[in-house]
Amino acid sequence: QIQPNDGTDIEQGLIAADGLLRPWPFGMQKRIILLTDGHGGTPERTAALIKAKGVIIDVIGIGGTPTAVNEYSLRQVASMIDRVCRYRFIGNRGTLLEHFRRLATDLVNVR
């Protein structure tokens, strides 16, 4: 059970997500979508290990403004695909919903 209290440990969330993906069949694209303000631990090393296994990590930075989000860390956590960083700051509900729709479409098309 997760209790909200400033400073969620992002690394532990990535470890848990990786554990859930582990039993999936070899050859299937594995993906983690992380929604966070980027404050809470040092997830960069764990993210690098997960990405080295071929898992794509999409990161959505969310918080009042881009300056309220730890964008440096989140860009390190996010995957790079075709030299494009899979990090994006989103500041409003409508854009967040549209971004999730786009990610869902990508998931369906990757199979």
N, C-alpha and C. Protein backbone atom coordinates (compact mmCIF):
# COMPACT_ATOMS: atom_id res chain seq x y z
N GLN A 1 0.85 -1.18 0.00
CA GLN A 1 0.00 0.00 0.00
C GLN A 1 0.89 1.24 0.00
N ILE A 2 0.57 2.18 -0.86
CA ILE A 2 1.36 3.41 -0.97
C ILE A 2 0.63 4.52 -0.26
N GLN A 3 1.34 5.21 0.58
CA GLN A 3 0.78 6.36 1.29
C GLN A 3 1.43 7.63 0.75
N PRO A 4 0.63 8.63 0.36
CA PRO A 4 1.23 9.87 -0.12
C PRO A 4 1.91 10.62 1.01
N ASN A 5 3.16 11.00 0.80
CA ASN A 5 3.89 11.76 1.82
C ASN A 5 5.19 12.31 1.24
N ASP A 6 5.09 13.24 0.34
CA ASP A 6 6.27 13.88 -0.26
C ASP A 6 7.50 12.98 -0.27
N GLY A 7 8.05 12.78 -1.43
CA GLY A 7 9.30 12.04 -1.53
C GLY A 7 9.15 10.55 -1.77
N THR A 8 8.21 10.14 -2.61
CA THR A 8 8.09 8.73 -2.95
C THR A 8 9.41 8.25 -3.55
N ASP A 9 9.85 7.07 -3.18
CA ASP A 9 11.11 6.52 -3.67
C ASP A 9 10.92 5.99 -5.08
N ILE A 10 11.34 6.77 -6.07
CA ILE A 10 11.17 6.42 -7.47
C ILE A 10 11.90 5.12 -7.80
N GLU A 11 13.08 4.94 -7.23
CA GLU A 11 13.86 3.73 -7.50
C GLU A 11 13.08 2.48 -7.12
N GLN A 12 12.42 2.49 -5.96
CA GLN A 12 11.65 1.32 -5.54
C GLN A 12 10.47 1.07 -6.48
N GLY A 13 9.88 2.12 -7.00
CA GLY A 13 8.81 1.96 -7.99
C GLY A 13 9.31 1.31 -9.27
N LEU A 14 10.50 1.72 -9.72
CA LEU A 14 11.08 1.11 -10.92
C LEU A 14 11.43 -0.36 -10.68
N ILE A 15 11.95 -0.67 -9.50
CA ILE A 15 12.27 -2.06 -9.17
C ILE A 15 11.01 -2.91 -9.18
N ALA A 16 9.93 -2.38 -8.60
CA ALA A 16 8.66 -3.12 -8.57
C ALA A 16 8.12 -3.33 -9.99
N ALA A 17 8.19 -2.30 -10.82
CA ALA A 17 7.70 -2.42 -12.20
C ALA A 17 8.54 -3.43 -12.98
N ASP A 18 9.84 -3.39 -12.80
CA ASP A 18 10.72 -4.35 -13.47
C ASP A 18 10.38 -5.77 -13.04
N GLY A 19 10.09 -5.96 -11.77
CA GLY A 19 9.72 -7.29 -11.28
C GLY A 19 8.43 -7.79 -11.90
N LEU A 20 7.49 -6.90 -12.14
CA LEU A 20 6.23 -7.29 -12.78
C LEU A 20 6.44 -7.66 -14.25
N LEU A 21 7.41 -7.04 -14.90
CA LEU A 21 7.67 -7.31 -16.31
C LEU A 21 8.50 -8.57 -16.53
N ARG A 22 9.25 -8.97 -15.54
CA ARG A 22 10.20 -10.08 -15.68
C ARG A 22 9.58 -11.36 -16.24
N PRO A 23 8.38 -11.78 -15.80
CA PRO A 23 7.85 -13.05 -16.31
C PRO A 23 7.28 -12.98 -17.74
N TRP A 24 7.21 -11.81 -18.33
CA TRP A 24 6.65 -11.70 -19.68
C TRP A 24 7.54 -12.43 -20.67
N PRO A 25 6.94 -12.96 -21.72
CA PRO A 25 7.71 -13.75 -22.70
C PRO A 25 8.85 -12.95 -23.34
N PHE A 26 9.94 -13.65 -23.62
CA PHE A 26 11.06 -13.05 -24.33
C PHE A 26 10.59 -12.59 -25.70
N GLY A 27 11.08 -11.44 -26.14
CA GLY A 27 10.71 -10.92 -27.45
C GLY A 27 9.59 -9.90 -27.43
N MET A 28 8.84 -9.86 -26.35
CA MET A 28 7.79 -8.84 -26.24
C MET A 28 8.42 -7.54 -25.75
N GLN A 29 8.00 -6.43 -26.33
CA GLN A 29 8.50 -5.12 -25.88
C GLN A 29 7.96 -4.83 -24.50
N LYS A 30 8.85 -4.50 -23.59
CA LYS A 30 8.46 -4.18 -22.22
C LYS A 30 8.61 -2.68 -22.02
N ARG A 31 7.65 -2.10 -21.30
CA ARG A 31 7.63 -0.65 -21.16
C ARG A 31 7.13 -0.25 -19.77
N ILE A 32 7.77 0.78 -19.22
CA ILE A 32 7.34 1.37 -17.96
C ILE A 32 6.98 2.82 -18.24
N ILE A 33 5.83 3.25 -17.73
CA ILE A 33 5.44 4.65 -17.83
C ILE A 33 5.47 5.20 -16.41
N LEU A 34 6.36 6.17 -16.20
CA LEU A 34 6.58 6.75 -14.88
C LEU A 34 6.02 8.16 -14.84
N LEU A 35 5.13 8.41 -13.92
CA LEU A 35 4.51 9.72 -13.71
C LEU A 35 4.98 10.22 -12.35
N THR A 36 5.76 11.33 -12.34
CA THR A 36 6.38 11.78 -11.10
C THR A 36 6.83 13.23 -11.19
N ASP A 37 7.13 13.81 -10.03
CA ASP A 37 7.75 15.13 -10.02
C ASP A 37 9.28 15.01 -10.00
N GLY A 38 9.77 13.79 -9.90
CA GLY A 38 11.21 13.57 -9.94
C GLY A 38 11.93 13.74 -8.64
N HIS A 39 11.19 14.01 -7.57
CA HIS A 39 11.81 14.18 -6.26
C HIS A 39 11.53 12.94 -5.44
N GLY A 40 12.56 12.25 -5.05
CA GLY A 40 12.39 11.05 -4.24
C GLY A 40 13.40 9.99 -4.59
N GLY A 41 14.57 10.11 -4.08
CA GLY A 41 15.58 9.08 -4.29
C GLY A 41 16.49 9.38 -5.46
N THR A 42 17.29 8.38 -5.78
CA THR A 42 18.23 8.49 -6.90
C THR A 42 18.02 7.28 -7.82
N PRO A 43 17.07 7.39 -8.74
CA PRO A 43 16.69 6.25 -9.57
C PRO A 43 17.54 6.04 -10.83
N GLU A 44 18.51 6.91 -11.09
CA GLU A 44 19.22 6.87 -12.36
C GLU A 44 19.95 5.54 -12.61
N ARG A 45 20.64 5.02 -11.62
CA ARG A 45 21.39 3.77 -11.80
C ARG A 45 20.46 2.60 -12.06
N THR A 46 19.40 2.50 -11.28
CA THR A 46 18.43 1.42 -11.46
C THR A 46 17.77 1.53 -12.83
N ALA A 47 17.43 2.75 -13.24
CA ALA A 47 16.82 2.95 -14.56
C ALA A 47 17.78 2.49 -15.66
N ALA A 48 19.06 2.78 -15.52
CA ALA A 48 20.05 2.37 -16.52
C ALA A 48 20.11 0.84 -16.63
N LEU A 49 20.05 0.16 -15.50
CA LEU A 49 20.08 -1.31 -15.51
C LEU A 49 18.83 -1.88 -16.18
N ILE A 50 17.70 -1.27 -15.91
CA ILE A 50 16.44 -1.73 -16.51
C ILE A 50 16.46 -1.48 -18.01
N LYS A 51 16.89 -0.30 -18.42
CA LYS A 51 16.95 0.03 -19.85
C LYS A 51 17.94 -0.88 -20.58
N ALA A 52 19.02 -1.29 -19.92
CA ALA A 52 20.00 -2.18 -20.54
C ALA A 52 19.40 -3.54 -20.88
N LYS A 53 18.30 -3.89 -20.22
CA LYS A 53 17.60 -5.14 -20.51
C LYS A 53 16.60 -4.97 -21.67
N GLY A 54 16.53 -3.77 -22.23
CA GLY A 54 15.65 -3.54 -23.35
C GLY A 54 14.29 -2.96 -22.99
N VAL A 55 14.09 -2.64 -21.73
CA VAL A 55 12.82 -2.05 -21.29
C VAL A 55 12.83 -0.56 -21.65
N ILE A 56 11.74 -0.09 -22.22
CA ILE A 56 11.60 1.33 -22.52
C ILE A 56 10.96 2.00 -21.31
N ILE A 57 11.55 3.13 -20.89
CA ILE A 57 10.98 3.89 -19.78
C ILE A 57 10.53 5.24 -20.31
N ASP A 58 9.22 5.45 -20.34
CA ASP A 58 8.63 6.74 -20.68
C ASP A 58 8.41 7.48 -19.37
N VAL A 59 8.86 8.73 -19.30
CA VAL A 59 8.74 9.50 -18.07
C VAL A 59 7.92 10.75 -18.33
N ILE A 60 6.94 10.97 -17.47
CA ILE A 60 6.12 12.17 -17.51
C ILE A 60 6.40 12.95 -16.24
N GLY A 61 6.95 14.14 -16.41
CA GLY A 61 7.19 15.03 -15.27
C GLY A 61 5.93 15.84 -15.04
N ILE A 62 5.45 15.82 -13.82
CA ILE A 62 4.22 16.53 -13.51
C ILE A 62 4.40 17.30 -12.21
N GLY A 63 3.97 18.52 -12.22
CA GLY A 63 4.10 19.42 -11.08
C GLY A 63 3.74 20.80 -11.57
N GLY A 64 3.56 21.72 -10.70
CA GLY A 64 3.11 23.06 -11.08
C GLY A 64 3.76 23.64 -12.32
N THR A 65 5.09 23.65 -12.37
CA THR A 65 5.82 24.19 -13.51
C THR A 65 7.04 23.30 -13.76
N PRO A 66 7.65 23.41 -14.93
CA PRO A 66 8.85 22.61 -15.17
C PRO A 66 9.95 22.83 -14.13
N THR A 67 10.02 24.02 -13.56
CA THR A 67 11.06 24.28 -12.55
C THR A 67 10.78 23.56 -11.23
N ALA A 68 9.54 23.12 -11.01
CA ALA A 68 9.17 22.39 -9.80
C ALA A 68 9.50 20.90 -9.92
N VAL A 69 9.90 20.49 -11.10
CA VAL A 69 10.17 19.08 -11.40
C VAL A 69 11.67 18.89 -11.54
N ASN A 70 12.18 17.76 -11.09
CA ASN A 70 13.60 17.46 -11.24
C ASN A 70 13.84 16.92 -12.65
N GLU A 71 13.84 17.83 -13.62
CA GLU A 71 13.94 17.42 -15.02
C GLU A 71 15.29 16.77 -15.34
N TYR A 72 16.35 17.21 -14.71
CA TYR A 72 17.65 16.61 -14.99
C TYR A 72 17.62 15.11 -14.69
N SER A 73 17.14 14.75 -13.51
CA SER A 73 17.06 13.34 -13.13
C SER A 73 16.11 12.58 -14.04
N LEU A 74 14.96 13.17 -14.33
CA LEU A 74 13.96 12.47 -15.14
C LEU A 74 14.44 12.22 -16.57
N ARG A 75 15.22 13.12 -17.10
CA ARG A 75 15.80 12.90 -18.44
C ARG A 75 16.81 11.74 -18.40
N GLN A 76 17.51 11.58 -17.28
CA GLN A 76 18.45 10.47 -17.13
C GLN A 76 17.71 9.14 -17.01
N VAL A 77 16.56 9.16 -16.36
CA VAL A 77 15.77 7.95 -16.16
C VAL A 77 15.11 7.52 -17.47
N ALA A 78 14.66 8.46 -18.26
CA ALA A 78 13.92 8.17 -19.48
C ALA A 78 14.80 7.50 -20.54
N SER A 79 14.16 6.68 -21.35
CA SER A 79 14.85 6.04 -22.48
C SER A 79 15.12 7.05 -23.59
N MET A 80 16.14 6.74 -24.37
CA MET A 80 16.43 7.48 -25.60
C MET A 80 16.12 6.53 -26.75
N ILE A 81 15.23 6.96 -27.64
CA ILE A 81 14.90 6.14 -28.81
C ILE A 81 15.10 7.01 -30.04
N ASP A 82 15.93 6.53 -30.95
CA ASP A 82 16.27 7.30 -32.15
C ASP A 82 16.73 8.71 -31.78
N ARG A 83 17.56 8.79 -30.74
CA ARG A 83 18.14 10.05 -30.25
C ARG A 83 17.09 11.02 -29.73
N VAL A 84 15.93 10.51 -29.36
CA VAL A 84 14.87 11.33 -28.77
C VAL A 84 14.63 10.84 -27.35
N CYS A 85 14.72 11.75 -26.40
CA CYS A 85 14.49 11.42 -24.99
C CYS A 85 13.00 11.22 -24.75
N ARG A 86 12.67 10.13 -24.05
CA ARG A 86 11.28 9.78 -23.78
C ARG A 86 10.78 10.44 -22.49
N TYR A 87 11.22 11.68 -22.24
CA TYR A 87 10.75 12.47 -21.11
C TYR A 87 9.92 13.62 -21.64
N ARG A 88 8.85 13.94 -20.88
CA ARG A 88 8.04 15.10 -21.24
C ARG A 88 7.42 15.69 -19.98
N PHE A 89 7.52 17.02 -19.84
CA PHE A 89 6.82 17.71 -18.76
C PHE A 89 5.40 17.98 -19.24
N ILE A 90 4.44 17.75 -18.35
CA ILE A 90 3.04 18.03 -18.67
C ILE A 90 2.45 18.81 -17.50
N GLY A 91 1.84 19.94 -17.82
CA GLY A 91 1.35 20.83 -16.78
C GLY A 91 -0.16 20.94 -16.65
N ASN A 92 -0.91 20.19 -17.49
CA ASN A 92 -2.37 20.28 -17.35
C ASN A 92 -3.04 18.96 -17.70
N ARG A 93 -4.24 18.81 -17.24
CA ARG A 93 -4.98 17.55 -17.36
C ARG A 93 -5.22 17.15 -18.81
N GLY A 94 -5.64 18.10 -19.64
CA GLY A 94 -5.93 17.78 -21.04
C GLY A 94 -4.73 17.24 -21.78
N THR A 95 -3.59 17.87 -21.58
CA THR A 95 -2.36 17.41 -22.25
C THR A 95 -1.94 16.05 -21.71
N LEU A 96 -2.13 15.83 -20.41
CA LEU A 96 -1.80 14.54 -19.82
C LEU A 96 -2.66 13.43 -20.43
N LEU A 97 -3.95 13.67 -20.56
CA LEU A 97 -4.84 12.66 -21.16
C LEU A 97 -4.44 12.37 -22.61
N GLU A 98 -4.13 13.40 -23.35
CA GLU A 98 -3.71 13.22 -24.75
C GLU A 98 -2.40 12.45 -24.83
N HIS A 99 -1.48 12.74 -23.94
CA HIS A 99 -0.19 12.03 -23.94
C HIS A 99 -0.40 10.56 -23.61
N PHE A 100 -1.25 10.25 -22.63
CA PHE A 100 -1.55 8.85 -22.32
C PHE A 100 -2.19 8.14 -23.51
N ARG A 101 -3.06 8.83 -24.23
CA ARG A 101 -3.66 8.23 -25.44
C ARG A 101 -2.57 7.89 -26.46
N ARG A 102 -1.64 8.81 -26.65
CA ARG A 102 -0.55 8.59 -27.60
C ARG A 102 0.32 7.40 -27.16
N LEU A 103 0.63 7.34 -25.88
CA LEU A 103 1.43 6.22 -25.38
C LEU A 103 0.69 4.90 -25.56
N ALA A 104 -0.61 4.90 -25.29
CA ALA A 104 -1.40 3.68 -25.47
C ALA A 104 -1.41 3.25 -26.93
N THR A 105 -1.52 4.19 -27.83
CA THR A 105 -1.48 3.88 -29.26
C THR A 105 -0.13 3.29 -29.63
N ASP A 106 0.95 3.86 -29.11
CA ASP A 106 2.30 3.33 -29.35
C ASP A 106 2.40 1.89 -28.85
N LEU A 107 1.83 1.61 -27.68
CA LEU A 107 1.90 0.25 -27.11
C LEU A 107 1.21 -0.74 -28.02
N VAL A 108 0.07 -0.38 -28.56
CA VAL A 108 -0.67 -1.28 -29.44
C VAL A 108 0.09 -1.49 -30.75
N ASN A 109 0.69 -0.43 -31.29
CA ASN A 109 1.40 -0.52 -32.56
C ASN A 109 2.73 -1.25 -32.47
N VAL A 110 3.35 -1.29 -31.29
CA VAL A 110 4.66 -1.94 -31.14
C VAL A 110 4.56 -3.44 -31.24
N ARG A 111 3.48 -4.01 -30.77
CA ARG A 111 3.35 -5.48 -30.76
C ARG A 111 3.60 -6.00 -32.12
